[in-house]
């Protein structure tokens, strides 16, 4: 009987339970290595001429590189980060509840673009030791929330933990009217884009899955 090779180890440089759940639902059991990067400081100091997708990619790369430095080789590291573009401005996680309320007051009845940067570092001993990345974009249409609804949602604490101050896979789902594009990207990790990036380094989705 031919031996089935062990799946390639994918390291997710994120503490996000939503990103981990997406990978697990798609058959991949990632190793978690939480990045210590100060996202807020990095975003604040990003060059002013970067477009929103480039900001997300900058943050994703910093996370992947930080995690790779914490680990021994023979794995593929994935860093992801999301930002919301609304009326030409870029938003990450709110600093506090007051900012989250103000953010939602601007977002309601409007549309924004959720940009998620993805950065891969191939640290396998027999791999290319390559590094590459790309960003994915999804248009998000927000519902017309009342002030009371906004305050109730912010009081749950969820908007303070996520880029853009909303989720589509949690308590914020009722407040999203519709999206245009990849819904997994709004969760925080575009599975179709990840597949394409992996193929560029010669890795198929099946190579990472725990079941064939």
Protein backbone atom coordinates (compact mmCIF):
# COMPACT_ATOMS: atom_id res chain seq x y z
CA UNK A 1 0.00 0.00 0.00
CA UNK A 2 1.37 3.39 -0.98
CA UNK A 3 2.05 5.72 1.88
CA UNK A 4 0.01 8.90 1.98
CA UNK A 5 2.32 11.86 2.57
CA UNK A 6 1.64 13.96 5.63
CA UNK A 7 -0.01 17.30 4.84
CA UNK A 8 2.24 20.32 4.57
CA UNK A 9 2.07 22.37 7.75
CA UNK A 10 0.33 25.73 7.36
CA UNK A 11 1.06 28.25 10.11
CA UNK A 12 -1.56 30.97 10.57
CA UNK A 13 0.00 34.13 11.99
CA UNK A 14 -3.24 35.25 13.61
CA UNK A 15 -5.28 34.76 16.77
CA UNK A 16 -8.50 35.21 14.78
CA UNK A 17 -10.92 32.35 15.52
CA UNK A 18 -12.83 33.24 12.34
CA UNK A 19 -9.79 32.72 10.10
CA UNK A 20 -8.95 29.46 11.83
CA UNK A 21 -12.54 28.26 11.45
CA UNK A 22 -12.53 29.06 7.72
CA UNK A 23 -9.42 26.96 7.17
CA UNK A 24 -10.76 24.09 9.25
CA UNK A 25 -14.06 24.11 7.35
CA UNK A 26 -12.06 23.83 4.13
CA UNK A 27 -10.11 20.83 5.42
CA UNK A 28 -6.95 22.50 6.73
CA UNK A 29 -5.92 22.32 10.38
CA UNK A 30 -3.54 25.27 10.80
CA UNK A 31 -0.87 25.69 13.41
CA UNK A 32 -1.43 28.99 15.22
CA UNK A 33 1.46 31.36 15.85
CA UNK A 34 0.15 34.71 16.98
CA UNK A 35 2.03 37.69 15.62
CA UNK A 36 3.33 40.28 18.07
CA UNK A 37 3.19 43.09 15.51
CA UNK A 38 1.66 46.36 16.72
CA UNK A 39 -0.92 46.69 13.94
CA UNK A 40 -2.18 50.11 15.00
CA UNK A 41 1.32 51.60 15.08
CA UNK A 42 2.28 50.03 11.76
CA UNK A 43 -0.90 51.29 10.12
CA UNK A 44 -0.42 54.78 11.56
CA UNK A 45 3.14 54.93 10.22
CA UNK A 46 2.37 53.49 6.79
CA UNK A 47 3.37 55.70 3.84
CA UNK A 48 0.59 58.13 2.99
CA UNK A 49 0.60 57.18 -0.69
CA UNK A 50 -0.34 53.53 -0.10
CA UNK A 51 -3.77 52.50 -1.37
CA UNK A 52 -6.04 50.55 1.05
CA UNK A 53 -5.13 47.18 -0.44
CA UNK A 54 -1.44 47.97 -0.02
CA UNK A 55 -1.99 48.93 3.62
CA UNK A 56 -3.68 45.56 4.25
CA UNK A 57 -0.84 43.79 2.46
CA UNK A 58 1.78 45.66 4.48
CA UNK A 59 0.14 44.53 7.71
CA UNK A 60 -0.26 40.94 6.48
CA UNK A 61 3.40 40.75 5.49
CA UNK A 62 4.55 42.09 8.85
CA UNK A 63 2.47 39.44 10.63
CA UNK A 64 3.84 36.61 8.46
CA UNK A 65 7.44 37.73 8.87
CA UNK A 66 7.05 38.10 12.63
CA UNK A 67 5.61 34.59 12.97
CA UNK A 68 8.28 33.10 10.68
CA UNK A 69 11.00 34.51 12.94
CA UNK A 70 9.44 32.75 15.93
CA UNK A 71 9.47 29.31 14.29
CA UNK A 72 11.84 26.67 12.98
CA UNK A 73 11.56 25.89 9.28
CA UNK A 74 9.59 23.33 7.26
CA UNK A 75 6.25 25.06 7.05
CA UNK A 76 4.30 27.66 5.12
CA UNK A 77 3.38 30.80 7.04
CA UNK A 78 0.25 32.80 6.22
CA UNK A 79 -0.33 36.32 7.46
CA UNK A 80 -3.62 38.14 6.90
CA UNK A 81 -4.99 41.54 7.78
CA UNK A 82 -8.07 43.50 6.81
CA UNK A 83 -8.97 47.17 6.53
CA UNK A 84 -12.18 48.88 5.52
CA UNK A 85 -12.19 51.61 2.89
CA UNK A 86 -15.09 54.01 3.39
CA UNK A 87 -15.43 57.28 1.50
CA UNK A 88 -11.75 57.29 0.63
CA UNK A 89 -10.51 56.66 4.18
CA UNK A 90 -8.96 53.50 5.62
CA UNK A 91 -10.18 52.03 8.91
CA UNK A 92 -8.84 49.18 11.01
CA UNK A 93 -10.07 48.16 14.46
CA UNK A 94 -11.77 50.89 16.52
CA UNK A 95 -9.74 52.10 19.49
CA UNK A 96 -12.70 52.16 21.85
CA UNK A 97 -16.49 51.93 22.03
CA UNK A 98 -16.99 55.63 21.29
CA UNK A 99 -15.03 55.34 18.06
CA UNK A 100 -16.96 52.20 17.11
CA UNK A 101 -20.27 54.03 17.55
CA UNK A 102 -19.05 56.94 15.44
CA UNK A 103 -17.79 54.54 12.81
CA UNK A 104 -21.15 52.80 12.51
CA UNK A 105 -22.94 56.12 12.33
CA UNK A 106 -20.83 56.87 9.24
CA UNK A 107 -21.22 53.36 7.80
CA UNK A 108 -24.98 52.88 8.06
CA UNK A 109 -26.86 53.03 4.75
CA UNK A 110 -23.51 53.24 2.93
CA UNK A 111 -21.14 50.89 1.18
CA UNK A 112 -17.48 50.22 1.84
CA UNK A 113 -14.74 48.00 0.47
CA UNK A 114 -13.18 45.38 2.73
CA UNK A 115 -9.56 44.81 1.72
CA UNK A 116 -7.76 41.75 3.07
CA UNK A 117 -4.05 41.33 2.55
CA UNK A 118 -2.58 37.81 2.34
CA UNK A 119 1.15 37.12 2.64
CA UNK A 120 2.81 33.71 2.32
CA UNK A 121 6.33 32.71 3.36
CA UNK A 122 7.51 29.30 2.16
CA UNK A 123 9.96 28.09 4.81
CA UNK A 124 9.93 24.42 3.86
CA UNK A 125 13.32 22.72 3.84
CA UNK A 126 12.64 21.40 0.33
CA UNK A 127 10.61 24.40 -0.82
CA UNK A 128 11.45 27.48 -2.77
CA UNK A 129 11.79 29.65 0.35
CA UNK A 130 9.68 32.08 -1.60
CA UNK A 131 7.51 34.88 -0.33
CA UNK A 132 4.56 36.47 -2.07
CA UNK A 133 1.24 38.12 -1.40
CA UNK A 134 -1.86 39.77 -2.76
CA UNK A 135 -4.99 41.48 -1.51
CA UNK A 136 -8.65 40.69 -2.11
CA UNK A 137 -11.53 43.16 -2.14
CA UNK A 138 -15.23 42.74 -1.39
CA UNK A 139 -17.89 45.47 -1.46
CA UNK A 140 -20.00 45.53 1.70
CA UNK A 141 -23.39 47.26 1.89
CA UNK A 142 -24.41 48.26 5.40
CA UNK A 143 -28.00 48.40 6.65
CA UNK A 144 -29.68 51.56 7.94
CA UNK A 145 -29.22 51.06 11.69
CA UNK A 146 -30.84 53.22 14.34
CA UNK A 147 -28.67 54.80 17.02
CA UNK A 148 -30.08 52.30 19.51
CA UNK A 149 -29.11 49.35 17.31
CA UNK A 150 -25.60 50.73 16.92
CA UNK A 151 -25.19 51.20 20.67
CA UNK A 152 -26.53 47.72 21.39
CA UNK A 153 -24.16 46.15 18.86
CA UNK A 154 -21.13 48.04 20.12
CA UNK A 155 -22.03 47.07 23.69
CA UNK A 156 -21.46 43.41 22.76
CA UNK A 157 -17.76 44.21 22.33
CA UNK A 158 -17.53 42.48 18.97
CA UNK A 159 -16.91 45.62 16.86
CA UNK A 160 -13.82 46.41 18.95
CA UNK A 161 -12.14 43.14 18.01
CA UNK A 162 -12.42 43.26 14.23
CA UNK A 163 -11.29 45.41 11.34
CA UNK A 164 -14.00 47.72 10.12
CA UNK A 165 -15.99 47.24 13.35
CA UNK A 166 -18.25 44.55 11.90
CA UNK A 167 -18.50 40.85 11.16
CA UNK A 168 -20.48 38.86 8.63
CA UNK A 169 -20.10 35.57 10.48
CA UNK A 170 -21.08 36.77 13.94
CA UNK A 171 -23.29 39.25 15.74
CA UNK A 172 -22.85 41.83 12.99
CA UNK A 173 -24.41 39.67 10.26
CA UNK A 174 -27.94 41.16 10.55
CA UNK A 175 -26.51 44.60 9.87
CA UNK A 176 -24.98 43.73 6.49
CA UNK A 177 -27.53 44.20 3.69
CA UNK A 178 -25.48 42.42 1.04
CA UNK A 179 -22.00 41.98 -0.34
CA UNK A 180 -20.45 41.91 -3.79
CA UNK A 181 -17.60 39.46 -4.07
CA UNK A 182 -16.03 36.71 -1.99
CA UNK A 183 -17.76 36.32 1.38
CA UNK A 184 -14.78 34.48 2.93
CA UNK A 185 -12.74 37.60 2.32
CA UNK A 186 -15.13 39.53 4.58
CA UNK A 187 -14.62 36.91 7.28
CA UNK A 188 -10.92 37.70 7.07
CA UNK A 189 -9.28 35.22 4.71
CA UNK A 190 -10.11 34.76 1.04
CA UNK A 191 -9.94 31.02 0.43
CA UNK A 192 -9.96 31.38 -3.39
CA UNK A 193 -7.05 33.86 -3.26
CA UNK A 194 -5.11 31.65 -0.83
CA UNK A 195 -5.50 28.72 -3.23
CA UNK A 196 -4.10 30.83 -6.08
CA UNK A 197 -1.11 31.98 -4.01
CA UNK A 198 -0.34 28.42 -2.95
CA UNK A 199 -0.43 27.23 -6.54
CA UNK A 200 2.20 29.85 -7.38
CA UNK A 201 4.63 28.08 -5.03
CA UNK A 202 3.67 24.64 -6.31
CA UNK A 203 1.34 23.66 -3.47
CA UNK A 204 -2.16 22.35 -4.11
CA UNK A 205 -5.03 22.63 -1.64
CA UNK A 206 -4.96 18.86 -1.17
CA UNK A 207 -1.32 19.08 -0.04
CA UNK A 208 -2.50 20.98 3.03
CA UNK A 209 -5.63 19.04 3.92
CA UNK A 210 -5.83 16.41 6.62
CA UNK A 211 -8.09 14.20 4.52
CA UNK A 212 -7.83 13.12 0.95
